[in-house]
N, C-alpha and C. Protein backbone atom coordinates (compact mmCIF):
# COMPACT_ATOMS: atom_id res chain seq x y z
N UNK A 1 -16.29 -7.28 21.89
CA UNK A 1 -15.54 -6.16 21.36
C UNK A 1 -16.24 -4.88 21.84
N UNK A 2 -15.49 -4.00 22.42
CA UNK A 2 -16.05 -2.73 22.88
C UNK A 2 -16.10 -1.75 21.72
N UNK A 3 -17.01 -0.75 21.80
CA UNK A 3 -17.08 0.24 20.71
C UNK A 3 -15.71 0.86 20.44
N UNK A 4 -15.39 1.02 19.20
CA UNK A 4 -14.11 1.60 18.81
C UNK A 4 -13.08 0.55 18.45
N UNK A 5 -13.22 -0.67 18.99
CA UNK A 5 -12.25 -1.72 18.65
C UNK A 5 -12.36 -2.14 17.20
N UNK A 6 -13.59 -2.18 16.68
CA UNK A 6 -13.77 -2.54 15.27
C UNK A 6 -13.07 -1.51 14.39
N UNK A 7 -13.23 -0.24 14.72
CA UNK A 7 -12.57 0.82 13.96
C UNK A 7 -11.06 0.67 14.03
N UNK A 8 -10.55 0.36 15.20
CA UNK A 8 -9.12 0.17 15.38
C UNK A 8 -8.62 -1.03 14.58
N UNK A 9 -9.42 -2.10 14.56
CA UNK A 9 -9.05 -3.29 13.80
C UNK A 9 -9.02 -3.00 12.31
N UNK A 10 -9.98 -2.24 11.83
CA UNK A 10 -10.01 -1.87 10.41
C UNK A 10 -8.80 -1.01 10.07
N UNK A 11 -8.43 -0.11 10.98
CA UNK A 11 -7.25 0.73 10.77
C UNK A 11 -6.00 -0.13 10.64
N UNK A 12 -5.86 -1.13 11.50
CA UNK A 12 -4.70 -2.02 11.44
C UNK A 12 -4.69 -2.82 10.13
N UNK A 13 -5.85 -3.30 9.72
CA UNK A 13 -5.95 -4.04 8.46
C UNK A 13 -5.55 -3.15 7.29
N UNK A 14 -6.04 -1.90 7.31
CA UNK A 14 -5.72 -0.94 6.25
C UNK A 14 -4.21 -0.69 6.21
N UNK A 15 -3.61 -0.46 7.36
CA UNK A 15 -2.16 -0.19 7.40
C UNK A 15 -1.36 -1.34 6.80
N UNK A 16 -1.77 -2.56 7.11
CA UNK A 16 -1.06 -3.71 6.57
C UNK A 16 -1.19 -3.82 5.07
N UNK A 17 -2.35 -3.46 4.54
CA UNK A 17 -2.60 -3.59 3.10
C UNK A 17 -1.99 -2.44 2.30
N UNK A 18 -1.91 -1.25 2.89
CA UNK A 18 -1.42 -0.08 2.16
C UNK A 18 0.01 -0.29 1.67
N UNK A 19 0.84 -0.92 2.45
CA UNK A 19 2.22 -1.17 2.04
C UNK A 19 2.26 -1.91 0.71
N UNK A 20 1.43 -2.92 0.57
CA UNK A 20 1.43 -3.71 -0.65
C UNK A 20 0.73 -2.99 -1.79
N UNK A 21 -0.22 -2.14 -1.47
CA UNK A 21 -0.85 -1.30 -2.50
C UNK A 21 0.17 -0.32 -3.08
N UNK A 22 1.03 0.22 -2.24
CA UNK A 22 2.09 1.12 -2.71
C UNK A 22 3.03 0.35 -3.65
N UNK A 23 3.41 -0.85 -3.24
CA UNK A 23 4.29 -1.65 -4.11
C UNK A 23 3.60 -1.93 -5.45
N UNK A 24 2.31 -2.23 -5.42
CA UNK A 24 1.58 -2.51 -6.67
C UNK A 24 1.52 -1.26 -7.56
N UNK A 25 1.30 -0.10 -6.97
CA UNK A 25 1.29 1.12 -7.76
C UNK A 25 2.65 1.39 -8.38
N UNK A 26 3.71 1.12 -7.63
CA UNK A 26 5.06 1.35 -8.14
C UNK A 26 5.46 0.31 -9.18
N UNK A 27 4.80 -0.83 -9.16
CA UNK A 27 5.06 -1.86 -10.17
C UNK A 27 4.64 -1.34 -11.55
N UNK A 28 3.61 -0.53 -11.59
CA UNK A 28 3.08 0.00 -12.85
C UNK A 28 4.00 1.07 -13.43
N UNK A 29 4.53 1.95 -12.54
CA UNK A 29 5.45 3.00 -12.99
C UNK A 29 5.98 3.74 -11.76
N UNK A 30 7.08 4.47 -11.95
CA UNK A 30 7.62 5.27 -10.85
C UNK A 30 6.65 6.41 -10.56
N UNK A 31 6.64 6.82 -9.29
CA UNK A 31 5.75 7.89 -8.85
C UNK A 31 6.45 8.68 -7.75
N UNK A 32 6.03 9.92 -7.58
CA UNK A 32 6.53 10.69 -6.45
C UNK A 32 5.52 10.59 -5.31
N UNK A 33 5.95 10.97 -4.12
CA UNK A 33 5.16 10.74 -2.91
C UNK A 33 3.76 11.31 -2.97
N UNK A 34 3.62 12.56 -3.37
CA UNK A 34 2.30 13.18 -3.36
C UNK A 34 1.37 12.51 -4.38
N UNK A 35 1.96 12.00 -5.46
CA UNK A 35 1.18 11.27 -6.46
C UNK A 35 0.63 9.97 -5.85
N UNK A 36 1.45 9.29 -5.07
CA UNK A 36 0.99 8.08 -4.38
C UNK A 36 -0.14 8.41 -3.41
N UNK A 37 -0.01 9.53 -2.72
CA UNK A 37 -1.07 9.96 -1.80
C UNK A 37 -2.39 10.09 -2.55
N UNK A 38 -2.36 10.75 -3.71
CA UNK A 38 -3.57 10.93 -4.50
C UNK A 38 -4.15 9.61 -4.98
N UNK A 39 -3.29 8.71 -5.42
CA UNK A 39 -3.75 7.41 -5.90
C UNK A 39 -4.41 6.61 -4.76
N UNK A 40 -3.82 6.66 -3.59
CA UNK A 40 -4.37 5.92 -2.45
C UNK A 40 -5.65 6.55 -1.93
N UNK A 41 -5.71 7.86 -1.97
CA UNK A 41 -6.95 8.54 -1.56
C UNK A 41 -8.08 8.24 -2.52
N UNK A 42 -7.76 8.11 -3.80
CA UNK A 42 -8.78 7.81 -4.80
C UNK A 42 -9.38 6.42 -4.60
N UNK A 43 -8.60 5.52 -4.02
CA UNK A 43 -9.11 4.18 -3.67
C UNK A 43 -9.72 4.31 -2.28
N UNK A 44 -11.01 4.38 -2.21
CA UNK A 44 -11.75 4.67 -0.98
C UNK A 44 -11.26 3.87 0.23
N UNK A 45 -10.87 4.59 1.26
CA UNK A 45 -10.53 3.97 2.52
C UNK A 45 -9.10 3.50 2.69
N UNK A 46 -8.25 3.73 1.71
CA UNK A 46 -6.88 3.21 1.83
C UNK A 46 -5.92 4.14 2.54
N UNK A 47 -6.15 5.43 2.49
CA UNK A 47 -5.21 6.36 3.11
C UNK A 47 -5.98 7.30 4.02
N UNK A 48 -5.58 7.31 5.28
CA UNK A 48 -6.28 8.17 6.22
C UNK A 48 -5.60 9.52 6.38
N UNK A 49 -4.28 9.58 6.19
CA UNK A 49 -3.59 10.86 6.29
C UNK A 49 -2.33 10.86 5.44
N UNK A 50 -1.99 12.03 4.94
CA UNK A 50 -0.80 12.18 4.10
C UNK A 50 0.47 11.84 4.87
N UNK A 51 0.46 12.08 6.17
CA UNK A 51 1.65 11.84 6.99
C UNK A 51 2.04 10.38 7.12
N UNK A 52 1.19 9.47 6.68
CA UNK A 52 1.54 8.05 6.80
C UNK A 52 2.36 7.54 5.63
N UNK A 53 2.30 8.20 4.48
CA UNK A 53 2.94 7.67 3.29
C UNK A 53 4.47 7.83 3.31
N UNK A 54 4.96 8.95 3.78
CA UNK A 54 6.41 9.18 3.73
C UNK A 54 7.19 8.28 4.68
N UNK A 55 6.73 8.06 5.91
CA UNK A 55 7.43 7.06 6.75
C UNK A 55 7.37 5.65 6.14
N UNK A 56 6.24 5.32 5.51
CA UNK A 56 6.12 4.02 4.85
C UNK A 56 7.11 3.91 3.71
N UNK A 57 7.22 4.93 2.88
CA UNK A 57 8.18 4.92 1.77
C UNK A 57 9.61 4.81 2.28
N UNK A 58 9.89 5.47 3.38
CA UNK A 58 11.23 5.38 3.97
C UNK A 58 11.53 3.95 4.43
N UNK A 59 10.55 3.31 5.08
CA UNK A 59 10.74 1.92 5.52
C UNK A 59 10.93 0.99 4.32
N UNK A 60 10.15 1.20 3.28
CA UNK A 60 10.26 0.35 2.09
C UNK A 60 11.63 0.55 1.42
N UNK A 61 12.12 1.79 1.42
CA UNK A 61 13.45 2.05 0.84
C UNK A 61 14.54 1.39 1.65
N UNK A 62 14.46 1.52 2.98
CA UNK A 62 15.47 0.90 3.85
C UNK A 62 15.45 -0.62 3.75
N UNK A 63 14.28 -1.18 3.47
CA UNK A 63 14.16 -2.64 3.32
C UNK A 63 14.60 -3.11 1.94
N UNK A 64 14.92 -2.18 1.06
CA UNK A 64 15.37 -2.54 -0.28
C UNK A 64 14.24 -2.91 -1.24
N UNK A 65 13.01 -2.54 -0.90
CA UNK A 65 11.88 -2.88 -1.74
C UNK A 65 11.56 -1.79 -2.78
N UNK A 66 11.99 -0.57 -2.49
CA UNK A 66 11.84 0.52 -3.44
C UNK A 66 13.17 1.26 -3.57
N UNK A 67 13.30 1.92 -4.69
CA UNK A 67 14.47 2.75 -4.95
C UNK A 67 13.99 4.18 -5.17
N UNK A 68 14.89 5.14 -5.02
CA UNK A 68 14.50 6.53 -5.23
C UNK A 68 15.45 7.22 -6.18
N UNK A 69 14.89 8.15 -6.91
CA UNK A 69 15.68 9.02 -7.78
C UNK A 69 15.08 10.42 -7.69
N UNK A 70 15.92 11.41 -7.90
CA UNK A 70 15.46 12.81 -7.93
C UNK A 70 15.30 13.22 -9.37
N UNK A 71 14.27 14.00 -9.64
CA UNK A 71 14.04 14.50 -10.98
C UNK A 71 13.55 15.94 -10.90
N UNK A 72 14.03 16.76 -11.81
CA UNK A 72 13.58 18.14 -11.86
C UNK A 72 12.09 18.18 -12.18
N UNK A 73 11.42 19.18 -11.66
CA UNK A 73 10.00 19.37 -11.91
C UNK A 73 9.80 20.69 -12.64
N UNK A 74 8.89 20.70 -13.57
CA UNK A 74 8.59 21.94 -14.30
C UNK A 74 7.71 22.87 -13.47
N UNK A 75 7.13 22.34 -12.40
CA UNK A 75 6.20 23.15 -11.60
C UNK A 75 6.65 23.32 -10.15
N UNK A 76 7.94 23.30 -9.90
CA UNK A 76 8.40 23.49 -8.53
C UNK A 76 9.76 22.85 -8.31
N UNK A 77 10.04 22.54 -7.04
CA UNK A 77 11.35 21.96 -6.71
C UNK A 77 11.47 20.53 -7.25
N UNK A 78 12.69 20.00 -7.26
CA UNK A 78 12.88 18.61 -7.71
C UNK A 78 12.01 17.66 -6.88
N UNK A 79 11.62 16.57 -7.51
CA UNK A 79 10.78 15.58 -6.84
C UNK A 79 11.54 14.27 -6.68
N UNK A 80 11.27 13.61 -5.56
CA UNK A 80 11.83 12.28 -5.34
C UNK A 80 10.84 11.26 -5.88
N UNK A 81 11.29 10.49 -6.85
CA UNK A 81 10.46 9.45 -7.45
C UNK A 81 10.84 8.11 -6.85
N UNK A 82 9.83 7.28 -6.67
CA UNK A 82 10.01 5.95 -6.09
C UNK A 82 9.70 4.91 -7.15
N UNK A 83 10.51 3.86 -7.17
CA UNK A 83 10.29 2.75 -8.10
C UNK A 83 10.47 1.43 -7.38
N UNK A 84 9.95 0.38 -7.95
CA UNK A 84 10.00 -0.94 -7.35
C UNK A 84 11.32 -1.63 -7.69
N UNK A 85 11.94 -2.24 -6.72
CA UNK A 85 13.15 -3.03 -6.95
C UNK A 85 12.76 -4.46 -7.28
N UNK A 86 13.75 -5.26 -7.68
CA UNK A 86 13.48 -6.68 -7.93
C UNK A 86 12.99 -7.37 -6.65
N UNK A 87 13.60 -7.03 -5.51
CA UNK A 87 13.14 -7.61 -4.24
C UNK A 87 11.70 -7.17 -3.94
N UNK A 88 11.38 -5.92 -4.23
CA UNK A 88 10.02 -5.43 -4.03
C UNK A 88 9.03 -6.19 -4.89
N UNK A 89 9.42 -6.49 -6.13
CA UNK A 89 8.55 -7.25 -7.03
C UNK A 89 8.32 -8.67 -6.51
N UNK A 90 9.36 -9.28 -5.96
CA UNK A 90 9.22 -10.63 -5.39
C UNK A 90 8.31 -10.63 -4.16
N UNK A 91 8.48 -9.63 -3.30
CA UNK A 91 7.63 -9.51 -2.12
C UNK A 91 6.17 -9.30 -2.53
N UNK A 92 5.96 -8.45 -3.52
CA UNK A 92 4.60 -8.19 -3.99
C UNK A 92 3.98 -9.45 -4.59
N UNK A 93 4.73 -10.20 -5.37
CA UNK A 93 4.21 -11.44 -5.97
C UNK A 93 3.81 -12.44 -4.88
N UNK A 94 4.64 -12.57 -3.84
CA UNK A 94 4.32 -13.47 -2.74
C UNK A 94 3.08 -13.01 -2.00
N UNK A 95 2.95 -11.69 -1.79
CA UNK A 95 1.78 -11.17 -1.11
C UNK A 95 0.51 -11.43 -1.92
N UNK A 96 0.59 -11.24 -3.23
CA UNK A 96 -0.58 -11.47 -4.08
C UNK A 96 -1.10 -12.90 -3.94
N UNK A 97 -0.21 -13.87 -3.93
CA UNK A 97 -0.64 -15.26 -3.79
C UNK A 97 -1.29 -15.48 -2.43
N UNK A 98 -0.68 -14.95 -1.41
CA UNK A 98 -1.22 -15.13 -0.05
C UNK A 98 -2.54 -14.35 0.10
N UNK A 99 -2.61 -13.17 -0.49
CA UNK A 99 -3.82 -12.35 -0.38
C UNK A 99 -5.03 -13.07 -0.97
N UNK A 100 -4.88 -13.68 -2.12
CA UNK A 100 -5.99 -14.38 -2.75
C UNK A 100 -6.49 -15.49 -1.83
N UNK A 101 -5.58 -16.26 -1.28
CA UNK A 101 -5.95 -17.34 -0.37
C UNK A 101 -6.64 -16.78 0.88
N UNK A 102 -6.04 -15.76 1.46
CA UNK A 102 -6.58 -15.15 2.68
C UNK A 102 -7.96 -14.54 2.45
N UNK A 103 -8.08 -13.77 1.39
CA UNK A 103 -9.36 -13.12 1.06
C UNK A 103 -10.45 -14.14 0.83
N UNK A 104 -10.13 -15.21 0.11
CA UNK A 104 -11.12 -16.25 -0.14
C UNK A 104 -11.56 -16.92 1.15
N UNK A 105 -10.63 -17.17 2.04
CA UNK A 105 -10.96 -17.80 3.32
C UNK A 105 -11.86 -16.90 4.15
N UNK A 106 -11.53 -15.63 4.22
CA UNK A 106 -12.34 -14.69 5.00
C UNK A 106 -13.73 -14.55 4.37
N UNK A 107 -13.79 -14.46 3.04
CA UNK A 107 -15.08 -14.33 2.37
C UNK A 107 -15.97 -15.54 2.63
N UNK A 108 -15.39 -16.74 2.67
CA UNK A 108 -16.19 -17.94 2.94
C UNK A 108 -16.86 -17.88 4.30
N UNK A 109 -16.23 -17.18 5.23
CA UNK A 109 -16.79 -17.08 6.58
C UNK A 109 -17.71 -15.88 6.71
N UNK A 110 -17.32 -14.74 6.16
CA UNK A 110 -18.06 -13.50 6.38
C UNK A 110 -19.25 -13.28 5.45
N UNK A 111 -19.16 -13.75 4.22
CA UNK A 111 -20.18 -13.43 3.23
C UNK A 111 -21.40 -14.33 3.48
N UNK A 112 -22.55 -13.72 3.74
CA UNK A 112 -23.77 -14.51 3.97
C UNK A 112 -24.10 -15.37 2.76
N UNK A 113 -24.53 -16.58 3.04
CA UNK A 113 -24.92 -17.49 1.97
C UNK A 113 -23.82 -18.40 1.49
N UNK A 114 -22.57 -18.07 1.78
CA UNK A 114 -21.47 -18.95 1.41
C UNK A 114 -21.40 -20.09 2.41
N UNK A 115 -21.11 -21.27 1.95
CA UNK A 115 -20.99 -22.41 2.85
C UNK A 115 -19.64 -22.37 3.56
N UNK A 116 -19.66 -22.55 4.85
CA UNK A 116 -18.41 -22.51 5.63
C UNK A 116 -17.97 -23.92 5.97
């Protein structure tokens, strides 16, 4: 692996996981885009730029995994809120099962002292 490839690989891994992190956040309650940005930034390493969240939300909406509603805001223009659909909940549940298996498999190989 040449220098920079590890960073690129981590970026790809992060991008794949962020989609499901957004679904998990929306499972808890509806949120508007900038709120999701803050939540993902608070989780160290999950969001590299604000510009990535809105295209992701658009893709999730087009795929039928999230729904949107507009709501008036007391501190500015109306906000678009995102919520999880039934299909989004099913996709998230399937990902959770696969994630546990995947994470455990990777940990068995990567974590020193674990038997492989």
